[in-house]
Protein backbone atom coordinates (compact mmCIF):
# COMPACT_ATOMS: atom_id res chain seq x y z
CA MET A 1 0.01 -0.04 -0.05
CA ALA A 2 1.41 3.17 -1.01
CA GLY A 3 2.15 5.82 1.69
CA ASP A 4 0.92 9.41 1.82
CA GLY A 5 4.33 10.55 0.68
CA ASP A 6 3.88 8.84 -2.78
CA HIS A 7 1.15 11.41 -3.70
CA LYS A 8 2.35 14.44 -5.75
CA SER A 9 0.64 17.87 -5.26
CA PHE A 10 -0.90 19.39 -8.29
CA ARG A 11 -0.09 22.99 -9.05
CA PHE A 12 -2.73 24.64 -11.23
CA LEU A 13 -0.40 27.58 -12.17
CA ASP A 14 2.20 25.13 -13.42
CA LEU A 15 -0.20 24.39 -16.45
CA PRO A 16 0.62 26.09 -19.58
CA PRO A 17 -1.26 29.47 -20.04
CA GLU A 18 -3.30 28.22 -22.93
CA LEU A 19 -4.72 25.31 -20.88
CA ARG A 20 -5.43 27.52 -17.94
CA ASN A 21 -7.38 29.85 -20.31
CA ARG A 22 -9.56 26.99 -21.34
CA ILE A 23 -10.25 26.09 -17.81
CA TYR A 24 -11.18 29.71 -17.04
CA ASP A 25 -13.51 29.77 -20.05
CA ALA A 26 -15.17 26.63 -19.05
CA HIS A 27 -15.80 28.04 -15.49
CA PHE A 28 -17.22 31.26 -16.83
CA ASN A 29 -19.66 29.41 -19.18
CA LEU A 30 -21.30 28.03 -15.99
CA TYR A 31 -22.65 31.52 -15.28
CA VAL A 32 -23.92 32.00 -18.88
CA GLN A 33 -27.67 31.56 -19.46
CA GLU A 34 -29.30 32.53 -22.64
CA GLY A 35 -26.16 34.21 -23.92
CA TYR A 36 -25.87 36.43 -20.85
CA ILE A 37 -24.29 36.67 -17.37
CA HIS A 38 -27.37 37.78 -15.47
CA VAL A 39 -26.81 40.58 -12.79
CA LYS A 40 -30.06 40.71 -11.04
CA LYS A 41 -28.74 41.68 -7.54
CA TRP A 42 -25.29 42.91 -6.82
CA THR A 43 -23.33 42.59 -3.57
CA PRO A 44 -19.53 42.84 -3.27
CA GLY A 45 -17.92 39.50 -3.97
CA THR A 46 -20.65 38.00 -6.18
CA GLU A 47 -18.61 37.76 -9.37
CA ALA A 48 -17.13 34.54 -10.73
CA ASN A 49 -15.70 32.34 -7.87
CA ILE A 50 -12.49 31.66 -9.70
CA LEU A 51 -11.54 35.34 -9.62
CA ALA A 52 -11.13 35.10 -5.75
CA ILE A 53 -8.49 32.35 -5.74
CA CYS A 54 -5.50 34.68 -5.83
CA HIS A 55 -4.04 37.75 -7.46
CA GLN A 56 -2.34 35.81 -10.34
CA VAL A 57 -5.43 33.92 -11.24
CA ARG A 58 -7.53 37.12 -11.21
CA ASN A 59 -5.03 39.03 -13.24
CA GLU A 60 -5.11 36.10 -15.81
CA ALA A 61 -8.85 35.43 -15.77
CA ALA A 62 -10.43 38.73 -15.30
CA GLY A 63 -9.70 39.97 -18.87
CA LEU A 64 -11.31 36.86 -20.36
CA TYR A 65 -14.30 37.24 -17.97
CA TYR A 66 -15.10 40.78 -18.64
CA SER A 67 -14.05 41.01 -22.41
CA THR A 68 -15.80 38.00 -23.87
CA HIS A 69 -19.18 37.90 -22.06
CA THR A 70 -22.30 40.09 -22.11
CA PHE A 71 -23.50 41.17 -18.67
CA LYS A 72 -27.30 41.80 -18.49
CA PHE A 73 -28.46 44.14 -15.64
CA TYR A 74 -31.93 44.15 -14.00
CA GLY A 75 -32.56 47.46 -12.53
CA ARG A 76 -30.54 50.41 -11.27
CA ASN A 77 -28.91 48.89 -8.16
CA ALA A 78 -27.62 45.79 -10.12
CA ALA A 79 -26.10 48.06 -12.87
CA ASN A 80 -24.61 50.69 -10.52
CA GLY A 81 -23.36 48.11 -8.06
CA PHE A 82 -21.66 45.99 -10.74
CA LEU A 83 -20.04 48.92 -12.53
CA GLY A 84 -19.06 50.75 -9.16
CA ASP A 85 -17.04 47.80 -7.76
CA LEU A 86 -15.01 47.26 -10.89
CA THR A 87 -11.42 48.35 -10.94
CA PRO A 88 -10.40 50.90 -13.72
CA LYS A 89 -8.47 48.05 -15.41
CA ASN A 90 -11.65 45.75 -15.41
CA LYS A 91 -13.82 48.72 -16.65
CA ASP A 92 -11.40 49.06 -19.65
CA GLN A 93 -12.02 45.41 -20.60
CA LEU A 94 -15.86 45.54 -20.69
CA ARG A 95 -17.03 45.02 -24.33
CA SER A 96 -20.72 43.97 -24.06
CA LEU A 97 -23.57 44.90 -21.91
CA ALA A 98 -27.41 44.60 -21.82
CA LEU A 99 -30.23 46.32 -19.87
CA GLU A 100 -33.53 44.84 -18.99
CA ILE A 101 -36.45 47.33 -18.87
CA THR A 102 -39.65 46.00 -17.31
CA SER A 103 -41.76 49.02 -17.03
CA TRP A 104 -41.94 52.79 -18.11
CA ALA A 105 -38.19 53.89 -17.93
CA PRO A 106 -37.25 56.08 -15.20
CA LEU A 107 -34.91 59.06 -15.33
CA TRP A 108 -31.92 57.13 -13.98
CA ILE A 109 -31.44 55.46 -17.36
CA ILE A 110 -30.04 58.60 -18.73
CA ASP A 111 -27.43 58.86 -15.95
CA PHE A 112 -26.56 55.06 -16.60
CA CYS A 113 -25.96 55.75 -20.32
CA ASN A 114 -23.78 58.66 -19.34
CA SER A 115 -21.68 56.33 -17.20
CA LEU A 116 -21.18 53.93 -20.21
CA LYS A 117 -19.38 56.69 -21.97
CA HIS A 118 -16.47 56.06 -19.51
CA LEU A 119 -16.13 52.37 -20.75
CA PRO A 120 -13.49 52.69 -23.56
CA ALA A 121 -13.80 49.15 -24.83
CA LEU A 122 -17.67 48.97 -24.86
CA ARG A 123 -18.84 47.99 -28.31
CA GLU A 124 -22.16 46.21 -27.86
CA PHE A 125 -25.17 47.35 -26.00
CA VAL A 126 -28.67 45.68 -25.97
CA ILE A 127 -31.88 47.09 -24.58
CA CYS A 128 -34.24 44.19 -23.55
CA LEU A 129 -37.86 45.34 -23.22
CA SER A 130 -40.33 42.85 -21.56
CA ASN A 131 -43.22 45.30 -21.90
CA TYR A 132 -43.85 45.64 -25.64
CA GLN A 133 -46.44 48.31 -24.99
CA TYR A 134 -43.80 50.60 -23.83
CA TYR A 135 -41.79 49.71 -27.06
CA TYR A 136 -44.88 50.58 -29.19
CA GLY A 137 -44.87 53.95 -27.34
CA MET A 138 -41.25 54.63 -28.46
CA ILE A 139 -41.71 53.80 -32.11
CA TYR A 140 -43.71 56.96 -32.73
CA TYR A 141 -40.59 59.08 -32.02
CA VAL A 142 -39.38 58.29 -35.56
CA THR A 143 -40.65 59.46 -38.83
CA SER A 144 -41.58 57.29 -41.86
CA THR A 145 -38.24 58.27 -43.40
CA GLY A 146 -36.24 56.98 -40.29
CA THR A 147 -35.49 60.33 -38.76
CA LEU A 148 -36.02 60.85 -34.94
CA THR A 149 -38.45 63.48 -34.05
CA ARG A 150 -37.80 66.47 -31.78
CA GLN A 151 -39.93 64.81 -29.15
CA ALA A 152 -37.64 61.79 -29.08
CA ARG A 153 -35.54 63.33 -26.33
CA ARG A 154 -38.56 63.38 -24.05
CA ASN A 155 -38.26 59.61 -23.77
CA ASN A 156 -35.60 58.54 -21.23
CA VAL A 157 -34.41 55.43 -23.15
CA ILE A 158 -33.86 57.33 -26.34
CA CYS A 159 -32.41 60.29 -24.59
CA GLY A 160 -29.92 58.09 -22.74
CA LEU A 161 -28.89 56.10 -25.92
CA LEU A 162 -28.25 59.23 -27.99
CA ARG A 163 -25.40 60.09 -25.61
CA LEU A 164 -23.47 56.89 -26.59
CA ARG A 165 -20.77 56.83 -29.23
CA GLY A 166 -18.35 54.21 -30.64
CA LEU A 167 -20.56 51.18 -30.52
CA GLU A 168 -20.31 48.51 -33.13
CA ARG A 169 -23.54 46.78 -32.29
CA PHE A 170 -26.86 47.95 -30.88
CA GLU A 171 -30.31 46.39 -30.78
CA PHE A 172 -33.59 46.23 -29.16
CA LYS A 173 -34.76 42.84 -27.95
CA ILE A 174 -38.58 42.69 -27.30
CA SER A 175 -40.43 39.84 -25.76
CA SER A 176 -44.21 38.93 -26.16
CA ILE A 177 -44.57 40.35 -29.70
CA HIS A 178 -46.35 38.23 -32.14
CA ALA A 179 -45.76 39.02 -35.73
CA SER A 180 -49.42 39.15 -36.85
CA GLU A 181 -50.55 41.09 -39.92
CA SER A 182 -52.17 43.89 -37.72
CA GLU A 183 -48.63 44.41 -35.92
CA ALA A 184 -46.45 44.39 -39.07
CA PRO A 185 -46.68 48.29 -39.48
CA ARG A 186 -45.52 48.60 -35.84
CA LEU A 187 -42.60 46.09 -36.27
CA ASP A 188 -41.45 48.14 -39.32
CA GLN A 189 -41.67 51.28 -37.52
CA GLY A 190 -39.66 49.76 -34.68
CA LYS A 191 -36.89 48.73 -37.13
CA LYS A 192 -36.67 52.34 -38.24
CA LEU A 193 -36.28 53.50 -34.69
CA GLU A 194 -33.56 50.93 -34.03
CA GLU A 195 -31.69 51.92 -37.18
CA ALA A 196 -31.94 55.66 -36.33
CA ILE A 197 -30.49 55.03 -32.84
CA ARG A 198 -27.83 52.59 -34.23
CA LYS A 199 -26.78 55.32 -36.75
CA ALA A 200 -26.09 57.76 -33.82
CA VAL A 201 -24.39 55.36 -31.37
CA THR A 202 -22.05 53.85 -34.01
CA GLN A 203 -20.39 57.25 -34.69
CA PRO A 204 -16.89 57.63 -33.63
CA LYS A 205 -16.27 58.39 -30.05
CA PRO A 206 -14.39 61.74 -29.43
CA VAL A 207 -11.12 61.48 -27.66
CA GLY A 208 -10.52 64.17 -24.92
CA TYR A 209 -7.12 65.63 -24.17
CA GLY A 210 -7.25 64.18 -20.78
CA ALA A 211 -7.48 60.73 -22.20
CA LEU A 212 -4.46 61.57 -24.45
CA ARG A 213 -2.33 62.46 -21.61
CA ARG A 214 -3.24 59.25 -19.78
CA ARG A 215 -2.71 57.22 -22.73
CA TRP A 216 0.68 58.92 -23.33
CA GLY A 217 1.64 58.21 -19.69
CA TRP A 218 0.66 54.57 -19.87
CA LEU A 219 2.50 53.95 -23.22
CA ARG A 220 5.70 55.57 -21.82
CA SER A 221 5.60 53.35 -18.73
CA SER A 222 4.93 50.21 -20.78
CA GLY A 223 7.99 48.13 -21.57
CA GLU A 224 6.26 46.80 -24.69
CA ARG A 225 6.64 50.06 -26.72
CA SER A 226 9.38 52.45 -27.27
CA ASN A 227 8.64 56.17 -26.81
CA ASP A 228 8.73 56.78 -30.55
CA GLU A 229 5.88 54.14 -30.89
CA ALA A 230 4.11 55.73 -28.01
CA LEU A 231 4.29 59.18 -29.74
CA GLN A 232 2.84 57.79 -32.96
CA GLN A 233 -0.11 56.37 -31.13
CA VAL A 234 -0.92 59.61 -29.40
CA LEU A 235 -0.40 61.55 -32.60
CA LEU A 236 -2.89 59.24 -34.20
CA MET A 237 -5.36 59.89 -31.41
CA VAL A 238 -4.93 63.63 -31.86
CA GLN A 239 -5.70 63.23 -35.52
CA GLN A 240 -8.81 61.29 -34.88
CA ARG A 241 -9.95 64.03 -32.32
CA GLU A 242 -9.32 66.75 -35.06
CA ALA A 243 -11.27 64.82 -37.63
CA PHE A 244 -14.17 64.29 -35.37
CA THR A 245 -14.22 67.97 -34.39
CA HIS A 246 -14.16 68.97 -38.01
CA ALA A 247 -17.00 66.64 -38.96
CA ALA A 248 -19.00 67.85 -36.08
CA SER A 249 -18.50 71.52 -37.12
CA ALA A 250 -19.39 70.69 -40.72
CA GLY A 251 -22.71 69.02 -39.50
CA GLU A 252 -23.60 72.09 -37.54
CA GLU A 253 -23.03 74.47 -40.45
CA GLY A 254 -25.10 72.15 -42.57
CA VAL A 255 -27.99 72.35 -40.15
């Protein structure tokens, strides 16, 4: 009979990085339901368990957790609690979010959308509406030609969404709608509303000079790039800002 001394300990961190990433991904998939990681209530420490093992595991796994999954919020407390507990590094990794709206949208949604402007990597945002009657109320804020009306900003959801920029994907998801012949015109109008908002939120995000200074400091302190490469990246961001400012000025003159 073999003694206890014959058993060798297993060190997870001795595994190759590629294999550890596969284990992280398999663990995170346990939290995914219907394509989302659902955030219904938020209290500190309720994120994925594996992130609490040690600092090295957290540093390795957090990027995969926050950058490859869509987090769906249910209500103000869940959304603000989740985003408020994230470190600046984790906020920079978020790419996809969703918000469930179950009733007439309150004013806090505007503030919530304002907070999303500080997530530099955010590229996807989904509004999930369980109350299709509220959705039907929104579709009349777009004309037959697909242009938002002046009254559109009176709607909290539309007003909040129009503050976003730099997204690659936006959509409404509405439950309990049956595509009957009588509702076909409403669905067509809803597509026009979605397209009008998508056109606005996919415009390039302006880069502030504060962000340029932070970017310059980060690039200079990074060992992966030389100062010359850092300067080239900052100059590119300046050019993007100038191009955005010029386009905005041209648009105002056209109006």
